[in-house]
Protein backbone atom coordinates (compact mmCIF):
# COMPACT_ATOMS: atom_id res chain seq x y z
CA MET A 1 6.19 20.73 47.67
CA ARG A 2 3.48 19.82 50.19
CA ALA A 3 1.11 22.18 48.41
CA VAL A 4 1.76 20.44 45.10
CA VAL A 5 1.12 17.00 46.59
CA VAL A 6 -2.09 18.25 48.20
CA ALA A 7 -3.33 19.64 44.90
CA LEU A 8 -2.82 16.29 43.16
CA ALA A 9 -4.48 14.45 46.03
CA VAL A 10 -7.75 16.33 45.65
CA ALA A 11 -10.38 14.17 43.99
CA ALA A 12 -11.19 15.01 40.39
CA CYS A 13 -14.86 15.73 40.89
CA SER A 14 -17.27 17.81 38.85
CA ARG A 15 -17.95 21.38 39.86
CA THR A 16 -20.75 22.18 42.27
CA PRO A 17 -23.33 24.85 41.39
CA ALA A 18 -22.36 28.45 42.11
CA PRO A 19 -24.18 31.79 42.45
CA LYS A 20 -25.11 33.62 39.24
CA ASP A 21 -23.83 37.00 40.37
CA PRO A 22 -20.22 37.29 39.07
CA THR A 23 -18.73 38.63 42.30
CA GLU A 24 -20.54 36.16 44.54
CA ARG A 25 -19.62 33.33 42.17
CA ALA A 26 -15.91 34.23 42.17
CA LEU A 27 -15.84 34.54 45.95
CA PHE A 28 -17.57 31.18 46.35
CA ARG A 29 -15.15 29.47 43.95
CA ASP A 30 -12.21 30.97 45.84
CA LEU A 31 -13.45 29.81 49.24
CA GLU A 32 -14.46 26.43 47.82
CA ARG A 33 -10.91 25.87 46.56
CA ILE A 34 -9.39 26.95 49.86
CA VAL A 35 -11.62 24.57 51.80
CA THR A 36 -11.25 21.54 49.53
CA VAL A 37 -7.46 21.83 49.18
CA ASN A 38 -7.11 21.98 52.96
CA ALA A 39 -9.56 19.08 53.43
CA ALA A 40 -7.56 16.85 51.06
CA THR A 41 -5.21 15.92 53.91
CA GLY A 42 -8.02 15.56 56.44
CA TRP A 43 -10.37 17.92 58.25
CA GLY A 44 -10.57 17.97 62.02
CA VAL A 45 -12.23 20.48 64.33
CA ASP A 46 -14.01 23.14 62.26
CA LYS A 47 -12.77 26.09 64.31
CA LEU A 48 -9.13 25.00 64.12
CA GLU A 49 -9.28 24.17 60.42
CA ILE A 50 -10.86 27.52 59.59
CA GLU A 51 -8.08 29.35 61.45
CA LYS A 52 -5.51 27.49 59.30
CA VAL A 53 -6.94 28.95 56.10
CA ILE A 54 -8.14 32.33 57.30
CA GLY A 55 -5.17 34.02 55.60
CA PRO A 56 -6.04 33.13 52.01
CA GLY A 57 -9.72 33.41 52.91
CA MET A 58 -9.26 37.02 54.03
CA SER A 59 -7.28 37.78 50.88
CA SER A 60 -10.42 37.03 48.88
CA VAL A 61 -13.09 38.32 51.28
CA CYS A 62 -11.35 41.67 51.75
CA ARG A 63 -11.77 42.31 48.02
CA VAL A 64 -15.56 41.89 48.16
CA ASP A 65 -17.86 44.56 49.56
CA VAL A 66 -20.50 44.00 52.23
CA LEU A 67 -23.30 43.44 49.72
CA GLY A 68 -21.32 40.75 47.91
CA ARG A 69 -20.53 38.91 51.13
CA ARG A 70 -24.15 39.17 52.26
CA GLY A 71 -25.38 37.89 48.91
CA LEU A 72 -23.10 34.86 49.08
CA THR A 73 -24.15 34.17 52.67
CA GLU A 74 -27.80 34.13 51.64
CA TRP A 75 -27.05 31.88 48.67
CA LEU A 76 -25.12 29.44 50.88
CA ASP A 77 -27.94 29.30 53.43
CA SER A 78 -30.41 28.59 50.62
CA GLU A 79 -28.24 25.87 49.07
CA ILE A 80 -27.60 24.18 52.41
CA ALA A 81 -31.34 24.09 53.11
CA ARG A 82 -32.10 22.85 49.57
CA LYS A 83 -29.65 19.97 49.98
CA GLY A 84 -31.20 18.86 53.27
CA GLY A 85 -28.97 20.70 55.72
CA PRO A 86 -27.81 21.53 58.29
CA VAL A 87 -25.04 19.04 57.59
CA ASP A 88 -25.14 17.34 61.00
CA LYS A 89 -28.87 16.70 60.62
CA ALA A 90 -28.43 15.32 57.09
CA TRP A 91 -25.54 13.12 58.27
CA ARG A 92 -27.73 11.44 60.90
CA GLU A 93 -30.62 11.03 58.50
CA ARG A 94 -28.36 9.40 55.88
CA GLY A 95 -26.96 6.68 58.07
CA LYS A 96 -24.09 8.69 59.58
CA LYS A 97 -22.02 8.33 56.42
CA LEU A 98 -19.86 11.29 55.45
CA SER A 99 -19.77 10.14 51.84
CA LYS A 100 -23.48 10.95 51.59
CA VAL A 101 -23.06 14.57 52.69
CA ASP A 102 -19.96 15.51 50.66
CA ASP A 103 -21.57 18.51 48.96
CA LEU A 104 -23.12 19.72 52.19
CA LEU A 105 -19.79 19.47 54.00
CA VAL A 106 -18.13 21.74 51.44
CA LEU A 107 -20.96 24.29 51.63
CA HIS A 108 -20.92 24.14 55.43
CA ARG A 109 -17.17 24.76 55.60
CA VAL A 110 -17.31 27.55 53.02
CA ARG A 111 -20.07 29.15 55.11
CA LEU A 112 -17.90 28.93 58.24
CA LEU A 113 -14.89 30.41 56.47
CA LEU A 114 -16.95 33.24 55.02
CA LYS A 115 -18.49 34.01 58.41
CA ARG A 116 -15.10 34.09 60.16
CA ALA A 117 -13.49 36.22 57.45
CA ASP A 118 -16.44 38.62 57.52
CA GLU A 119 -16.03 38.98 61.29
CA LEU A 120 -12.40 39.96 60.75
CA SER A 121 -13.08 42.22 57.78
CA MET A 122 -12.40 45.33 59.87
CA ASP A 123 -8.77 44.16 59.94
CA CYS A 124 -8.43 44.12 56.16
CA PRO A 125 -5.29 46.01 55.05
CA PHE A 126 -6.09 49.53 53.90
CA TRP A 127 -4.41 48.90 50.54
CA ILE A 128 -6.81 46.07 49.70
CA GLU A 129 -10.06 47.60 48.50
CA PRO A 130 -13.28 45.93 47.28
CA GLU A 131 -13.33 45.15 43.57
CA ASN A 132 -16.44 45.33 41.44
CA PRO A 133 -16.70 42.87 39.94
CA PHE A 134 -14.43 40.61 41.95
CA THR A 135 -12.83 38.05 39.62
CA GLY A 136 -11.21 35.76 42.17
CA ARG A 137 -7.80 35.17 43.72
CA GLN A 138 -7.75 31.37 43.64
CA ILE A 139 -9.29 30.84 40.21
CA SER A 140 -8.11 31.66 36.69
CA GLU A 141 -10.96 32.64 34.42
CA HIS A 142 -11.10 34.95 31.38
CA THR A 143 -7.44 35.89 31.67
CA TRP A 144 -4.16 35.48 29.83
CA GLN A 145 -1.85 32.97 31.44
CA LEU A 146 1.81 31.99 31.22
CA SER A 147 2.46 28.38 32.21
CA LEU A 148 5.98 27.16 32.97
CA GLY A 149 6.83 23.53 33.62
CA GLY A 150 9.69 21.09 33.90
CA GLY A 151 10.38 17.52 34.94
CA GLY A 152 11.65 14.11 33.91
CA LYS A 153 10.59 11.64 31.25
CA ALA A 154 11.18 8.00 30.39
CA SER A 155 10.78 6.90 26.77
CA ALA A 156 10.10 3.60 25.05
CA ILE A 157 11.37 3.69 21.46
CA ARG A 158 10.53 1.48 18.50
CA GLN A 159 11.89 1.56 14.96
CA GLY A 160 11.07 -1.45 12.82
CA ASP A 161 12.08 -4.49 14.89
CA ARG A 162 14.31 -2.47 17.19
CA ARG A 163 13.18 -1.45 20.65
CA ASP A 164 15.01 0.68 23.16
CA LEU A 165 14.68 2.91 26.20
CA SER A 166 15.93 6.38 27.09
CA ALA A 167 15.46 8.93 29.85
CA GLY A 168 15.90 12.64 30.28
CA GLY A 169 14.38 15.92 31.27
CA ALA A 170 12.00 18.41 29.67
CA GLY A 171 10.96 22.01 30.07
CA ARG A 172 8.05 23.87 28.52
CA VAL A 173 6.65 27.36 28.14
CA LEU A 174 2.99 27.91 27.23
CA LEU A 175 1.02 31.07 26.66
CA GLY A 176 -2.74 30.83 26.62
CA ARG A 177 -6.14 32.22 27.38
CA THR A 178 -8.50 30.88 30.01
CA PHE A 179 -12.26 30.96 29.63
CA ALA A 180 -15.28 30.01 31.74
CA ASP A 181 -14.55 27.71 34.70
CA GLY A 182 -10.81 27.97 34.04
CA ASN A 183 -10.76 25.95 30.83
CA GLY A 184 -8.02 27.22 28.55
CA LEU A 185 -6.26 27.01 25.21
CA TYR A 186 -2.47 27.32 25.06
CA ALA A 187 0.37 27.27 22.54
CA GLY A 188 4.10 27.19 23.14
CA ALA A 189 7.25 25.12 22.98
CA GLU A 190 8.77 22.21 24.87
CA LEU A 191 12.38 21.06 24.83
CA ASN A 192 13.23 17.46 25.74
CA VAL A 193 16.82 16.38 26.33
CA ALA A 194 17.42 12.63 26.55
CA ALA A 195 20.43 10.36 27.01
CA SER A 196 20.61 6.89 25.47
CA PHE A 197 22.96 4.12 24.44
CA PRO A 198 21.55 3.26 21.01
CA LYS A 199 22.08 -0.16 19.43
CA ASP A 200 23.98 -0.69 16.19
CA ASP A 201 23.18 -3.13 13.37
CA MET A 202 24.69 -5.96 15.46
CA ASP A 203 22.30 -5.16 18.31
CA GLN A 204 25.22 -3.94 20.42
CA ARG A 205 25.17 -0.84 22.59
CA THR A 206 27.17 2.12 21.30
CA ALA A 207 28.51 5.15 23.16
CA LEU A 208 26.32 7.55 25.08
CA GLN A 209 24.32 9.78 22.74
CA ILE A 210 22.52 12.99 23.62
CA GLY A 211 19.39 13.84 21.67
CA ILE A 212 16.84 16.63 21.76
CA ASP A 213 13.18 16.81 20.85
CA LEU A 214 11.59 20.16 20.15
CA VAL A 215 7.79 20.13 20.40
CA THR A 216 5.38 22.94 19.53
CA PRO A 217 2.10 21.78 21.12
CA LEU A 218 -1.38 23.22 21.01
CA VAL A 219 -2.87 22.41 24.43
CA TYR A 220 -6.47 22.37 25.66
CA ARG A 221 -6.95 22.31 29.44
CA TYR A 222 -10.24 21.19 30.95
CA THR A 223 -10.41 22.38 34.55
CA LEU A 224 -12.35 20.77 37.38
CA LEU A 225 -12.16 22.19 40.91
CA ASN A 226 -8.50 21.74 41.84
CA THR A 227 -7.48 19.35 39.09
CA TYR A 228 -7.44 19.40 35.31
CA PHE A 229 -7.02 17.31 32.17
CA GLU A 230 -4.90 18.37 29.20
CA TRP A 231 -4.97 17.18 25.61
CA GLU A 232 -2.27 18.32 23.22
CA ALA A 233 -1.04 17.85 19.66
CA GLY A 234 1.61 19.40 17.50
CA TRP A 235 4.86 19.15 15.56
CA VAL A 236 7.96 17.43 16.91
CA GLY A 237 11.51 17.69 15.63
CA HIS A 238 14.32 15.34 16.68
CA SER A 239 18.06 15.87 16.50
CA THR A 240 21.18 14.35 18.05
CA GLU A 241 24.66 15.56 18.90
CA ALA A 242 25.91 14.02 15.66
CA ASP A 243 24.44 17.04 13.86
CA TRP A 244 22.33 19.48 15.87
CA GLY A 245 21.17 21.20 12.71
CA ASP A 246 19.67 18.04 11.18
CA PHE A 247 16.08 17.63 12.37
CA ASP A 248 13.76 14.73 11.68
CA HIS A 249 10.12 15.81 11.62
CA GLY A 250 7.02 14.18 13.04
CA ILE A 251 3.82 14.47 15.05
CA HIS A 252 3.19 14.61 18.78
CA VAL A 253 -0.01 13.86 20.72
CA GLY A 254 -0.34 13.72 24.48
CA PHE A 255 -2.56 13.62 27.54
CA ALA A 256 -1.91 14.78 31.11
CA PHE A 257 -3.64 14.93 34.48
CA GLY A 258 -2.61 17.60 36.93
CA GLY A 259 -3.58 19.72 39.88
CA ARG A 260 -3.01 23.23 41.18
CA ALA A 261 -2.33 24.34 44.72
CA LEU A 262 -3.52 27.64 46.16
CA ARG A 263 -1.97 30.89 45.00
CA GLN A 264 1.49 31.58 46.37
CA ARG A 265 2.03 35.33 46.00
CA PHE A 266 1.46 35.76 42.25
CA LEU A 267 1.97 32.14 41.12
CA PHE A 268 -0.14 28.98 41.17
CA PRO A 269 2.16 25.99 41.78
CA GLY A 270 1.06 22.61 40.52
CA ALA A 271 2.13 19.25 39.18
CA ALA A 272 1.07 16.88 36.44
CA ILE A 273 1.75 13.42 35.08
CA GLY A 274 1.40 12.74 31.39
CA ILE A 275 1.87 10.35 28.52
CA ALA A 276 2.68 11.21 24.91
CA TYR A 277 3.04 9.43 21.59
CA GLU A 278 5.42 10.68 18.91
CA ARG A 279 6.13 9.47 15.40
CA LEU A 280 9.04 10.65 13.29
CA PHE A 281 8.69 10.22 9.54
CA LEU A 282 11.99 8.82 8.22
CA ASP A 283 13.18 7.46 4.90
CA GLY A 284 13.20 3.93 6.29
CA ASP A 285 11.13 2.70 9.20
CA ASP A 286 9.39 5.47 11.12
CA LEU A 287 10.57 6.06 14.69
CA ARG A 288 7.80 5.69 17.27
CA THR A 289 8.16 6.83 20.86
CA ILE A 290 5.96 6.62 23.95
CA LYS A 291 6.95 9.04 26.70
CA LEU A 292 5.83 8.93 30.32
CA GLY A 293 6.76 11.56 32.85
CA GLY A 294 5.90 14.08 35.49
CA ARG A 295 6.44 17.80 35.77
CA VAL A 296 6.15 20.62 38.26
CA MET A 297 4.32 23.64 36.91
CA PHE A 298 3.76 27.30 37.72
CA ASP A 299 0.90 29.34 36.26
CA LEU A 300 1.07 33.12 36.12
CA ASP A 301 -2.09 35.11 35.37
CA PHE A 302 -1.84 38.57 33.85
């Protein structure tokens, strides 16, 4: 859970430049993610912080050969110099304000992590061999992905002059393809189960009623460094326990903001908050719903 909170706490900033060589680029993006996720809860003494993340750092570095590591080291040295480094010198020259050396701090910490992992490279497990090209352990680019999620939702409902509230849970399964920088396109299904006490014609509450919404969204994910935005649209069908086979049909559009933690074995845990608008087309007044909720997610690359 801490990893999920950390991922959401990371600022939604634009991506920094990266090396052009595919292997060096993937290694840089991996180490950049490791550093920035760890720094989201505060960064203390460099040496101690680097030792905290040397495990995932080694997992990436061990998969890159000596030439790839050397190439990234040279690129980092060049970038640090281009941006006015070393970082301590730039910090003093810019009024001793850390906010003015943000980019340099990331490059500096990535450089430290790479150096330490390279020093320990002789200890890489024998079953982990260099990959050419290296495509990254902490990023998801140009790969198929299965995304699983679930959480709770609160809904505000309006039909004509009637307004009401309901709450429930939802689960979704998405299958998609990621592209450059981790942006992706997904399709799948989501099932929402909600409980409500609907009002009758006399504006009185009736008995508890269970309803379901089945959504088939098309989702576009725009990925930043550790966070992402999602836009989605699709069909929605609504049914209640009065007759599970009777579905009302409508449209669904939504938006979400989320974040991903570092890889845990073969999964990327994450979390998101989102809002959606749905409209069911009925014979009388259309039913309009605004849903707000959060979900925990797991992405699996394959």
